[in-house]
Amino acid sequence: MSDVRLTINGSAAAAVRGAARGHVEEAVRALRSTRPSGDQVHLARKAIKKGRAALRLLRVTLAKVTYRRENEAMRAAAHALDPVRDATVLLRALVGLRARRAPLARDRATAALMRTLQQRQRLAQHELRARPERLAAARSTLDQVQARARRWHVRHDGWRTLGPAFRRIYRTGRRAARHAKRRPDSLTLHEWRKQIQYLRHALQILEPLQPKVPAKAAHRARQVADFLGEDHDLALLRAAASDFARQRQLSATTLLAAIDRRRKHLQARAIPIGQQLFLRRARKMEARVVDGRP
């Protein structure tokens, strides 16, 4: 599925509104099947996140009631897909870790957990297919958002319309970066990751529309989001592995050590790059993106 590509045709806010509609449409297409795969669910959730990022860029120019309604609608549609997403994330995290750490291929607890996670993924997909009303409700919600988006009233004041909303996204990420540096626990890193995802998607949306968007910032946001995304998946895997080993009375020492080692490496990569990403104050970053100032 290709990313939404837009060019300026009228106001900047109208172009971002078009991006929001395009991403919601991507999500609907991914869920068109009555038996969506794990990959289709992943694509749908990713498109919804991009749609919510576009909505955040319009936060200042939209009426508050409109912003809240559409944000809640997109979040609700994504939540309907959570069981399949959660099962898929755990399995992919374990498969990726096992490929990196040769000793895990011979580890009894890892093999047993792999079989259990594969079964959980199949059950989650079966449950989604067995309850078509849940999937239909998610598609209907997204269809309604897409239809209403045509009527979102946005101002036509050029790039400065988007500046305050972008500043808010960046400032929130900068604040989360400070918290993550002081206390890099799972919850703090997960919150930082969510804010960086919004910034990353905002920059992706703006990049084809605004050639002044700094490429280095977009690259750093993508790197940190990827590192922290894998770290969060491994944190979930660690909790699942600990519970599984305790219930089955297995030793998960090798697996847990491999998870901890990989997470330490990912955090060591993510935090310095993230600090570079948020060196500038929010107003200065806004000026670079919106006005093209150095």
C-alpha atoms as a PDB file:
ATOM      1  CA  MET A   1       0.000   0.000   0.000  1.00  0.00           C
ATOM      2  CA  SER A   2       1.574   3.267  -1.049  1.00  0.00           C
ATOM      3  CA  ASP A   3       1.781   6.332   1.137  1.00  0.00           C
ATOM      4  CA  VAL A   4      -0.585   9.221   0.508  1.00  0.00           C
ATOM      5  CA  ARG A   5       1.134  11.753  -1.753  1.00  0.00           C
ATOM      6  CA  LEU A   6      -0.220  15.286  -2.030  1.00  0.00           C
ATOM      7  CA  THR A   7       0.684  18.604  -3.498  1.00  0.00           C
ATOM      8  CA  ILE A   8      -0.537  22.056  -2.618  1.00  0.00           C
ATOM      9  CA  ASN A   9      -3.768  22.919  -4.407  1.00  0.00           C
ATOM     10  CA  GLY A  10      -5.273  25.774  -2.416  1.00  0.00           C
ATOM     11  CA  SER A  11      -4.462  26.203   1.254  1.00  0.00           C
ATOM     12  CA  ALA A  12      -2.003  24.137   3.273  1.00  0.00           C
ATOM     13  CA  ALA A  13      -4.734  23.202   5.742  1.00  0.00           C
ATOM     14  CA  ALA A  14      -6.939  21.926   2.925  1.00  0.00           C
ATOM     15  CA  ALA A  15      -4.046  19.795   1.678  1.00  0.00           C
ATOM     16  CA  VAL A  16      -3.547  18.273   5.142  1.00  0.00           C
ATOM     17  CA  ARG A  17      -7.289  17.653   5.346  1.00  0.00           C
ATOM     18  CA  GLY A  18      -6.874  15.725   2.091  1.00  0.00           C
ATOM     19  CA  ALA A  19      -4.026  13.751   3.672  1.00  0.00           C
ATOM     20  CA  ALA A  20      -6.245  12.811   6.606  1.00  0.00           C
ATOM     21  CA  ARG A  21      -8.955  11.580   4.249  1.00  0.00           C
ATOM     22  CA  GLY A  22      -6.407   9.663   2.199  1.00  0.00           C
ATOM     23  CA  HIS A  23      -5.006   7.831   5.211  1.00  0.00           C
ATOM     24  CA  VAL A  24      -8.469   6.944   6.474  1.00  0.00           C
ATOM     25  CA  GLU A  25      -9.242   5.589   3.005  1.00  0.00           C
ATOM     26  CA  GLU A  26      -6.074   3.467   3.185  1.00  0.00           C
ATOM     27  CA  ALA A  27      -7.303   1.980   6.462  1.00  0.00           C
ATOM     28  CA  VAL A  28     -10.706   1.185   4.971  1.00  0.00           C
ATOM     29  CA  ARG A  29      -9.080  -0.559   1.997  1.00  0.00           C
ATOM     30  CA  ALA A  30      -6.903  -2.643   4.315  1.00  0.00           C
ATOM     31  CA  LEU A  31     -10.008  -3.801   6.208  1.00  0.00           C
ATOM     32  CA  ARG A  32     -12.156  -4.458   3.154  1.00  0.00           C
ATOM     33  CA  SER A  33     -11.605  -8.210   3.441  1.00  0.00           C
ATOM     34  CA  THR A  34     -13.914 -10.103   5.776  1.00  0.00           C
ATOM     35  CA  ARG A  35     -10.879 -12.178   6.787  1.00  0.00           C
ATOM     36  CA  PRO A  36      -8.072  -9.630   7.229  1.00  0.00           C
ATOM     37  CA  SER A  37      -4.582 -10.970   7.800  1.00  0.00           C
ATOM     38  CA  GLY A  38      -2.215  -9.749  10.495  1.00  0.00           C
ATOM     39  CA  ASP A  39      -0.425  -7.657   7.865  1.00  0.00           C
ATOM     40  CA  GLN A  40      -3.694  -6.029   6.772  1.00  0.00           C
ATOM     41  CA  VAL A  41      -4.576  -5.200  10.357  1.00  0.00           C
ATOM     42  CA  HIS A  42      -1.103  -3.706  10.810  1.00  0.00           C
ATOM     43  CA  LEU A  43      -1.501  -1.583   7.660  1.00  0.00           C
ATOM     44  CA  ALA A  44      -4.919  -0.384   8.799  1.00  0.00           C
ATOM     45  CA  ARG A  45      -3.669   0.664  12.217  1.00  0.00           C
ATOM     46  CA  LYS A  46      -0.655   2.401  10.686  1.00  0.00           C
ATOM     47  CA  ALA A  47      -2.922   4.350   8.310  1.00  0.00           C
ATOM     48  CA  ILE A  48      -5.198   5.327  11.205  1.00  0.00           C
ATOM     49  CA  LYS A  49      -2.197   6.648  13.136  1.00  0.00           C
ATOM     50  CA  LYS A  50      -1.222   8.775  10.137  1.00  0.00           C
ATOM     51  CA  GLY A  51      -4.789  10.027   9.875  1.00  0.00           C
ATOM     52  CA  ARG A  52      -4.727  11.049  13.534  1.00  0.00           C
ATOM     53  CA  ALA A  53      -1.390  12.793  12.990  1.00  0.00           C
ATOM     54  CA  ALA A  54      -2.929  14.799  10.130  1.00  0.00           C
ATOM     55  CA  LEU A  55      -5.848  15.633  12.412  1.00  0.00           C
ATOM     56  CA  ARG A  56      -3.407  16.951  15.014  1.00  0.00           C
ATOM     57  CA  LEU A  57      -1.906  19.270  12.416  1.00  0.00           C
ATOM     58  CA  LEU A  58      -5.395  20.701  11.914  1.00  0.00           C
ATOM     59  CA  ARG A  59      -6.080  21.037  15.638  1.00  0.00           C
ATOM     60  CA  VAL A  60      -5.920  24.822  15.705  1.00  0.00           C
ATOM     61  CA  THR A  61      -7.970  25.408  12.598  1.00  0.00           C
ATOM     62  CA  LEU A  62     -10.740  22.869  13.377  1.00  0.00           C
ATOM     63  CA  ALA A  63     -13.555  23.431  15.851  1.00  0.00           C
ATOM     64  CA  LYS A  64     -12.827  21.686  19.171  1.00  0.00           C
ATOM     65  CA  VAL A  65     -15.932  19.521  18.914  1.00  0.00           C
ATOM     66  CA  THR A  66     -14.874  18.374  15.438  1.00  0.00           C
ATOM     67  CA  TYR A  67     -11.350  17.552  16.515  1.00  0.00           C
ATOM     68  CA  ARG A  68     -12.495  15.546  19.545  1.00  0.00           C
ATOM     69  CA  ARG A  69     -15.181  13.678  17.621  1.00  0.00           C
ATOM     70  CA  GLU A  70     -12.877  12.595  14.805  1.00  0.00           C
ATOM     71  CA  ASN A  71      -9.966  11.748  17.094  1.00  0.00           C
ATOM     72  CA  GLU A  72     -12.191   9.548  19.252  1.00  0.00           C
ATOM     73  CA  ALA A  73     -13.733   7.902  16.186  1.00  0.00           C
ATOM     74  CA  MET A  74     -10.356   6.952  14.701  1.00  0.00           C
ATOM     75  CA  ARG A  75      -9.081   5.739  18.061  1.00  0.00           C
ATOM     76  CA  ALA A  76     -12.186   3.565  18.530  1.00  0.00           C
ATOM     77  CA  ALA A  77     -11.739   2.012  15.085  1.00  0.00           C
ATOM     78  CA  ALA A  78      -8.112   1.175  15.910  1.00  0.00           C
ATOM     79  CA  HIS A  79      -9.050  -0.339  19.289  1.00  0.00           C
ATOM     80  CA  ALA A  80     -11.356  -2.832  17.572  1.00  0.00           C
ATOM     81  CA  LEU A  81      -8.214  -4.301  15.975  1.00  0.00           C
ATOM     82  CA  ASP A  82      -6.165  -4.492  19.197  1.00  0.00           C
ATOM     83  CA  PRO A  83      -6.416  -8.262  19.855  1.00  0.00           C
ATOM     84  CA  VAL A  84      -4.995  -9.186  16.442  1.00  0.00           C
ATOM     85  CA  ARG A  85      -2.394  -6.415  16.675  1.00  0.00           C
ATOM     86  CA  ASP A  86      -1.233  -7.529  20.151  1.00  0.00           C
ATOM     87  CA  ALA A  87      -0.896 -11.189  19.151  1.00  0.00           C
ATOM     88  CA  THR A  88       0.962 -10.288  15.943  1.00  0.00           C
ATOM     89  CA  VAL A  89       3.346  -7.919  17.722  1.00  0.00           C
ATOM     90  CA  LEU A  90       4.392 -10.519  20.293  1.00  0.00           C
ATOM     91  CA  LEU A  91       4.995 -13.195  17.681  1.00  0.00           C
ATOM     92  CA  ARG A  92       6.997 -10.878  15.399  1.00  0.00           C
ATOM     93  CA  ALA A  93       9.105  -9.677  18.317  1.00  0.00           C
ATOM     94  CA  LEU A  94       9.980 -13.246  19.280  1.00  0.00           C
ATOM     95  CA  VAL A  95      10.708 -14.298  15.684  1.00  0.00           C
ATOM     96  CA  GLY A  96      12.983 -11.280  15.213  1.00  0.00           C
ATOM     97  CA  LEU A  97      14.819 -11.874  18.483  1.00  0.00           C
ATOM     98  CA  ARG A  98      15.266 -15.554  17.763  1.00  0.00           C
ATOM     99  CA  ALA A  99      16.800 -14.729  14.394  1.00  0.00           C
ATOM    100  CA  ARG A 100      19.322 -12.427  16.095  1.00  0.00           C
ATOM    101  CA  ARG A 101      20.305 -14.744  18.957  1.00  0.00           C
ATOM    102  CA  ALA A 102      21.416 -18.217  17.846  1.00  0.00           C
ATOM    103  CA  PRO A 103      21.152 -19.792  21.348  1.00  0.00           C
ATOM    104  CA  LEU A 104      17.403 -19.135  21.347  1.00  0.00           C
ATOM    105  CA  ALA A 105      16.926 -21.627  18.493  1.00  0.00           C
ATOM    106  CA  ARG A 106      17.814 -24.406  20.963  1.00  0.00           C
ATOM    107  CA  ASP A 107      16.038 -22.923  23.984  1.00  0.00           C
ATOM    108  CA  ARG A 108      13.109 -24.989  25.266  1.00  0.00           C
ATOM    109  CA  ALA A 109      11.157 -22.076  26.736  1.00  0.00           C
ATOM    110  CA  THR A 110      11.520 -20.032  23.536  1.00  0.00           C
ATOM    111  CA  ALA A 111      10.235 -22.890  21.377  1.00  0.00           C
ATOM    112  CA  ALA A 112       7.254 -23.472  23.671  1.00  0.00           C
ATOM    113  CA  LEU A 113       6.424 -19.762  23.768  1.00  0.00           C
ATOM    114  CA  MET A 114       6.678 -19.561  19.980  1.00  0.00           C
ATOM    115  CA  ARG A 115       4.056 -22.289  19.589  1.00  0.00           C
ATOM    116  CA  THR A 116       1.777 -20.583  22.098  1.00  0.00           C
ATOM    117  CA  LEU A 117       2.068 -17.179  20.418  1.00  0.00           C
ATOM    118  CA  GLN A 118       1.352 -18.697  17.012  1.00  0.00           C
ATOM    119  CA  GLN A 119      -1.796 -20.243  18.457  1.00  0.00           C
ATOM    120  CA  ARG A 120      -2.803 -16.936  20.068  1.00  0.00           C
ATOM    121  CA  GLN A 121      -2.441 -15.144  16.754  1.00  0.00           C
ATOM    122  CA  ARG A 122      -4.624 -17.710  14.999  1.00  0.00           C
ATOM    123  CA  LEU A 123      -7.245 -17.461  17.746  1.00  0.00           C
ATOM    124  CA  ALA A 124      -7.250 -13.642  17.630  1.00  0.00           C
ATOM    125  CA  GLN A 125      -7.737 -13.681  13.854  1.00  0.00           C
ATOM    126  CA  HIS A 126     -10.464 -16.296  14.184  1.00  0.00           C
ATOM    127  CA  GLU A 127     -12.273 -14.229  16.824  1.00  0.00           C
ATOM    128  CA  LEU A 128     -12.190 -11.152  14.591  1.00  0.00           C
ATOM    129  CA  ARG A 129     -13.588 -13.183  11.689  1.00  0.00           C
ATOM    130  CA  ALA A 130     -16.159 -14.864  13.934  1.00  0.00           C
ATOM    131  CA  ARG A 131     -17.455 -11.479  15.044  1.00  0.00           C
ATOM    132  CA  PRO A 132     -17.892  -9.656  11.735  1.00  0.00           C
ATOM    133  CA  GLU A 133     -19.928  -6.941  13.441  1.00  0.00           C
ATOM    134  CA  ARG A 134     -16.752  -5.682  15.162  1.00  0.00           C
ATOM    135  CA  LEU A 135     -14.881  -5.365  11.877  1.00  0.00           C
ATOM    136  CA  ALA A 136     -17.945  -3.893  10.164  1.00  0.00           C
ATOM    137  CA  ALA A 137     -18.290  -1.313  12.935  1.00  0.00           C
ATOM    138  CA  ALA A 138     -14.644  -0.268  12.509  1.00  0.00           C
ATOM    139  CA  ARG A 139     -15.077   0.089   8.737  1.00  0.00           C
ATOM    140  CA  SER A 140     -18.322   2.019   9.204  1.00  0.00           C
ATOM    141  CA  THR A 141     -16.681   4.377  11.694  1.00  0.00           C
ATOM    142  CA  LEU A 142     -13.826   5.083   9.281  1.00  0.00           C
ATOM    143  CA  ASP A 143     -16.236   5.556   6.366  1.00  0.00           C
ATOM    144  CA  GLN A 144     -18.115   8.137   8.416  1.00  0.00           C
ATOM    145  CA  VAL A 145     -14.887   9.966   9.312  1.00  0.00           C
ATOM    146  CA  GLN A 146     -13.897  10.043   5.657  1.00  0.00           C
ATOM    147  CA  ALA A 147     -17.305  11.411   4.636  1.00  0.00           C
ATOM    148  CA  ARG A 148     -17.297  14.081   7.346  1.00  0.00           C
ATOM    149  CA  ALA A 149     -13.730  15.085   6.497  1.00  0.00           C
ATOM    150  CA  ARG A 150     -14.950  16.587   3.232  1.00  0.00           C
ATOM    151  CA  ARG A 151     -16.931  19.057   5.335  1.00  0.00           C
ATOM    152  CA  TRP A 152     -14.234  19.914   7.884  1.00  0.00           C
ATOM    153  CA  HIS A 153     -14.067  23.692   7.914  1.00  0.00           C
ATOM    154  CA  VAL A 154     -10.432  24.776   7.736  1.00  0.00           C
ATOM    155  CA  ARG A 155      -9.011  28.245   7.388  1.00  0.00           C
ATOM    156  CA  HIS A 156      -7.170  29.238   4.223  1.00  0.00           C
ATOM    157  CA  ASP A 157      -4.251  31.157   5.720  1.00  0.00           C
ATOM    158  CA  GLY A 158      -1.357  29.202   4.230  1.00  0.00           C
ATOM    159  CA  TRP A 159       1.352  27.443   6.208  1.00  0.00           C
ATOM    160  CA  ARG A 160       1.012  29.670   9.266  1.00  0.00           C
ATOM    161  CA  THR A 161      -2.337  28.000   9.922  1.00  0.00           C
ATOM    162  CA  LEU A 162      -0.485  24.771  10.701  1.00  0.00           C
ATOM    163  CA  GLY A 163       2.353  26.303  12.707  1.00  0.00           C
ATOM    164  CA  PRO A 164       0.792  26.318  16.201  1.00  0.00           C
ATOM    165  CA  ALA A 165      -0.397  22.718  15.876  1.00  0.00           C
ATOM    166  CA  PHE A 166       3.016  21.537  14.660  1.00  0.00           C
ATOM    167  CA  ARG A 167       4.637  23.440  17.523  1.00  0.00           C
ATOM    168  CA  ARG A 168       2.368  21.633  19.980  1.00  0.00           C
ATOM    169  CA  ILE A 169       3.259  18.211  18.535  1.00  0.00           C
ATOM    170  CA  TYR A 170       6.985  18.990  18.692  1.00  0.00           C
ATOM    171  CA  ARG A 171       6.818  20.517  22.190  1.00  0.00           C
ATOM    172  CA  THR A 172       4.999  17.482  23.567  1.00  0.00           C
ATOM    173  CA  GLY A 173       7.646  15.207  22.085  1.00  0.00           C
ATOM    174  CA  ARG A 174      10.416  17.399  23.501  1.00  0.00           C
ATOM    175  CA  ARG A 175       8.870  17.219  26.968  1.00  0.00           C
ATOM    176  CA  ALA A 176       8.566  13.435  26.684  1.00  0.00           C
ATOM    177  CA  ALA A 177      12.239  13.282  25.629  1.00  0.00           C
ATOM    178  CA  ARG A 178      13.292  14.981  28.864  1.00  0.00           C
ATOM    179  CA  HIS A 179      11.266  12.503  30.903  1.00  0.00           C
ATOM    180  CA  ALA A 180      12.722   9.557  28.973  1.00  0.00           C
ATOM    181  CA  LYS A 181      16.289  10.734  29.559  1.00  0.00           C
ATOM    182  CA  ARG A 182      15.697  11.109  33.304  1.00  0.00           C
ATOM    183  CA  ARG A 183      13.814   7.836  33.739  1.00  0.00           C
ATOM    184  CA  PRO A 184      13.994   5.459  30.764  1.00  0.00           C
ATOM    185  CA  ASP A 185      11.495   2.884  32.036  1.00  0.00           C
ATOM    186  CA  SER A 186       9.004   1.066  29.800  1.00  0.00           C
ATOM    187  CA  LEU A 187       6.076   3.417  30.438  1.00  0.00           C
ATOM    188  CA  THR A 188       8.097   6.604  29.901  1.00  0.00           C
ATOM    189  CA  LEU A 189       9.730   5.281  26.736  1.00  0.00           C
ATOM    190  CA  HIS A 190       6.369   4.127  25.416  1.00  0.00           C
ATOM    191  CA  GLU A 191       4.875   7.590  25.927  1.00  0.00           C
ATOM    192  CA  TRP A 192       7.868   9.171  24.185  1.00  0.00           C
ATOM    193  CA  ARG A 193       7.501   6.709  21.345  1.00  0.00           C
ATOM    194  CA  LYS A 194       3.837   7.677  20.832  1.00  0.00           C
ATOM    195  CA  GLN A 195       4.709  11.372  20.669  1.00  0.00           C
ATOM    196  CA  ILE A 196       7.581  10.737  18.253  1.00  0.00           C
ATOM    197  CA  GLN A 197       5.221   8.730  16.055  1.00  0.00           C
ATOM    198  CA  TYR A 198       2.917  11.743  15.810  1.00  0.00           C
ATOM    199  CA  LEU A 199       5.888  13.970  14.959  1.00  0.00           C
ATOM    200  CA  ARG A 200       7.207  11.452  12.441  1.00  0.00           C
ATOM    201  CA  HIS A 201       3.870  11.189  10.660  1.00  0.00           C
ATOM    202  CA  ALA A 202       3.379  14.954  10.744  1.00  0.00           C
ATOM    203  CA  LEU A 203       6.748  15.445   9.053  1.00  0.00           C
ATOM    204  CA  GLN A 204       5.899  12.739   6.496  1.00  0.00           C
ATOM    205  CA  ILE A 205       2.644  14.486   5.689  1.00  0.00           C
ATOM    206  CA  LEU A 206       4.284  17.897   5.393  1.00  0.00           C
ATOM    207  CA  GLU A 207       7.366  16.793   3.457  1.00  0.00           C
ATOM    208  CA  PRO A 208       5.761  16.396  -0.012  1.00  0.00           C
ATOM    209  CA  LEU A 209       3.778  19.579   0.541  1.00  0.00           C
ATOM    210  CA  GLN A 210       6.479  21.773   2.025  1.00  0.00           C
ATOM    211  CA  PRO A 211      10.013  21.436   0.603  1.00  0.00           C
ATOM    212  CA  LYS A 212      11.385  23.385   3.579  1.00  0.00           C
ATOM    213  CA  VAL A 213      10.775  20.495   5.992  1.00  0.00           C
ATOM    214  CA  PRO A 214      14.248  19.535   7.328  1.00  0.00           C
ATOM    215  CA  ALA A 215      15.104  16.072   5.978  1.00  0.00           C
ATOM    216  CA  LYS A 216      17.434  15.321   8.895  1.00  0.00           C
ATOM    217  CA  ALA A 217      14.618  15.804  11.428  1.00  0.00           C
ATOM    218  CA  ALA A 218      12.337  13.452   9.499  1.00  0.00           C
ATOM    219  CA  HIS A 219      15.125  10.849   9.302  1.00  0.00           C
ATOM    220  CA  ARG A 220      15.858  11.082  13.029  1.00  0.00           C
ATOM    221  CA  ALA A 221      12.186  10.832  13.920  1.00  0.00           C
ATOM    222  CA  ARG A 222      11.890   7.684  11.813  1.00  0.00           C
ATOM    223  CA  GLN A 223      14.978   6.143  13.416  1.00  0.00           C
ATOM    224  CA  VAL A 224      13.895   6.854  16.991  1.00  0.00           C
ATOM    225  CA  ALA A 225      10.325   5.697  16.343  1.00  0.00           C
ATOM    226  CA  ASP A 226      11.633   2.410  14.911  1.00  0.00           C
ATOM    227  CA  PHE A 227      14.057   1.811  17.793  1.00  0.00           C
ATOM    228  CA  LEU A 228      11.485   2.632  20.449  1.00  0.00           C
ATOM    229  CA  GLY A 229       8.810   0.648  18.636  1.00  0.00           C
ATOM    230  CA  GLU A 230      10.928  -2.498  18.764  1.00  0.00           C
ATOM    231  CA  ASP A 231      11.838  -1.752  22.380  1.00  0.00           C
ATOM    232  CA  HIS A 232       8.154  -1.490  23.334  1.00  0.00           C
ATOM    233  CA  ASP A 233       7.327  -4.741  21.543  1.00  0.00           C
ATOM    234  CA  LEU A 234      10.140  -6.476  23.431  1.00  0.00           C
ATOM    235  CA  ALA A 235       8.889  -5.048  26.739  1.00  0.00           C
ATOM    236  CA  LEU A 236       5.501  -6.633  26.021  1.00  0.00           C
ATOM    237  CA  LEU A 237       7.234  -9.865  25.013  1.00  0.00           C
ATOM    238  CA  ARG A 238       9.213  -9.908  28.256  1.00  0.00           C
ATOM    239  CA  ALA A 239       6.064  -9.628  30.354  1.00  0.00           C
ATOM    240  CA  ALA A 240       4.380 -12.379  28.307  1.00  0.00           C
ATOM    241  CA  ALA A 241       7.470 -14.621  28.527  1.00  0.00           C
ATOM    242  CA  SER A 242       7.729 -14.193  32.305  1.00  0.00           C
ATOM    243  CA  ASP A 243       4.063 -15.094  32.814  1.00  0.00           C
ATOM    244  CA  PHE A 244       4.319 -18.029  30.415  1.00  0.00           C
ATOM    245  CA  ALA A 245       7.443 -19.450  32.087  1.00  0.00           C
ATOM    246  CA  ARG A 246       5.901 -19.152  35.538  1.00  0.00           C
ATOM    247  CA  GLN A 247       2.690 -20.883  34.477  1.00  0.00           C
ATOM    248  CA  ARG A 248       4.523 -23.686  32.640  1.00  0.00           C
ATOM    249  CA  GLN A 249       7.277 -23.932  35.284  1.00  0.00           C
ATOM    250  CA  LEU A 250       9.943 -23.394  32.660  1.00  0.00           C
ATOM    251  CA  SER A 251      13.230 -21.539  32.917  1.00  0.00           C
ATOM    252  CA  ALA A 252      13.177 -18.473  30.681  1.00  0.00           C
ATOM    253  CA  THR A 253      16.567 -17.149  31.778  1.00  0.00           C
ATOM    254  CA  THR A 254      18.125 -17.324  28.300  1.00  0.00           C
ATOM    255  CA  LEU A 255      15.153 -15.666  26.625  1.00  0.00           C
ATOM    256  CA  LEU A 256      14.767 -12.913  29.205  1.00  0.00           C
ATOM    257  CA  ALA A 257      18.493 -12.152  29.082  1.00  0.00           C
ATOM    258  CA  ALA A 258      18.327 -11.863  25.286  1.00  0.00           C
ATOM    259  CA  ILE A 259      15.352  -9.503  25.532  1.00  0.00           C
ATOM    260  CA  ASP A 260      17.107  -7.324  28.097  1.00  0.00           C
ATOM    261  CA  ARG A 261      20.286  -7.198  26.022  1.00  0.00           C
ATOM    262  CA  ARG A 262      18.431  -6.182  22.880  1.00  0.00           C
ATOM    263  CA  ARG A 263      16.360  -3.553  24.711  1.00  0.00           C
ATOM    264  CA  LYS A 264      19.496  -2.034  26.216  1.00  0.00           C
ATOM    265  CA  HIS A 265      21.020  -1.776  22.744  1.00  0.00           C
ATOM    266  CA  LEU A 266      17.875  -0.188  21.255  1.00  0.00           C
ATOM    267  CA  GLN A 267      17.603   2.380  24.047  1.00  0.00           C
ATOM    268  CA  ALA A 268      21.286   3.246  23.703  1.00  0.00           C
ATOM    269  CA  ARG A 269      20.639   3.962  20.010  1.00  0.00           C
ATOM    270  CA  ALA A 270      17.331   5.776  20.432  1.00  0.00           C
ATOM    271  CA  ILE A 271      17.997   8.188  23.284  1.00  0.00           C
ATOM    272  CA  PRO A 272      21.005  10.102  21.812  1.00  0.00           C
ATOM    273  CA  ILE A 273      19.325  10.446  18.405  1.00  0.00           C
ATOM    274  CA  GLY A 274      16.135  11.557  20.107  1.00  0.00           C
ATOM    275  CA  GLN A 275      17.993  14.187  22.061  1.00  0.00           C
ATOM    276  CA  GLN A 276      19.423  15.537  18.809  1.00  0.00           C
ATOM    277  CA  LEU A 277      15.945  15.595  17.297  1.00  0.00           C
ATOM    278  CA  PHE A 278      14.663  17.782  20.117  1.00  0.00           C
ATOM    279  CA  LEU A 279      17.640  20.121  20.548  1.00  0.00           C
ATOM    280  CA  ARG A 280      15.739  23.127  19.214  1.00  0.00           C
ATOM    281  CA  ARG A 281      12.975  24.860  21.084  1.00  0.00           C
ATOM    282  CA  ALA A 282       9.492  24.319  19.717  1.00  0.00           C
ATOM    283  CA  ARG A 283       9.132  27.813  18.220  1.00  0.00           C
ATOM    284  CA  LYS A 284      12.462  27.532  16.411  1.00  0.00           C
ATOM    285  CA  MET A 285      11.527  24.165  14.991  1.00  0.00           C
ATOM    286  CA  GLU A 286       8.185  25.566  13.902  1.00  0.00           C
ATOM    287  CA  ALA A 287       9.977  28.401  12.127  1.00  0.00           C
ATOM    288  CA  ARG A 288      12.196  25.914  10.272  1.00  0.00           C
ATOM    289  CA  VAL A 289       9.261  23.815   9.109  1.00  0.00           C
ATOM    290  CA  VAL A 290       6.736  26.545   8.382  1.00  0.00           C
ATOM    291  CA  ASP A 291       8.932  29.456   7.312  1.00  0.00           C
ATOM    292  CA  GLY A 292      12.081  27.640   6.210  1.00  0.00           C
ATOM    293  CA  ARG A 293      14.301  29.585   8.618  1.00  0.00           C
ATOM    294  CA  PRO A 294      17.722  28.078   9.463  1.00  0.00           C
END
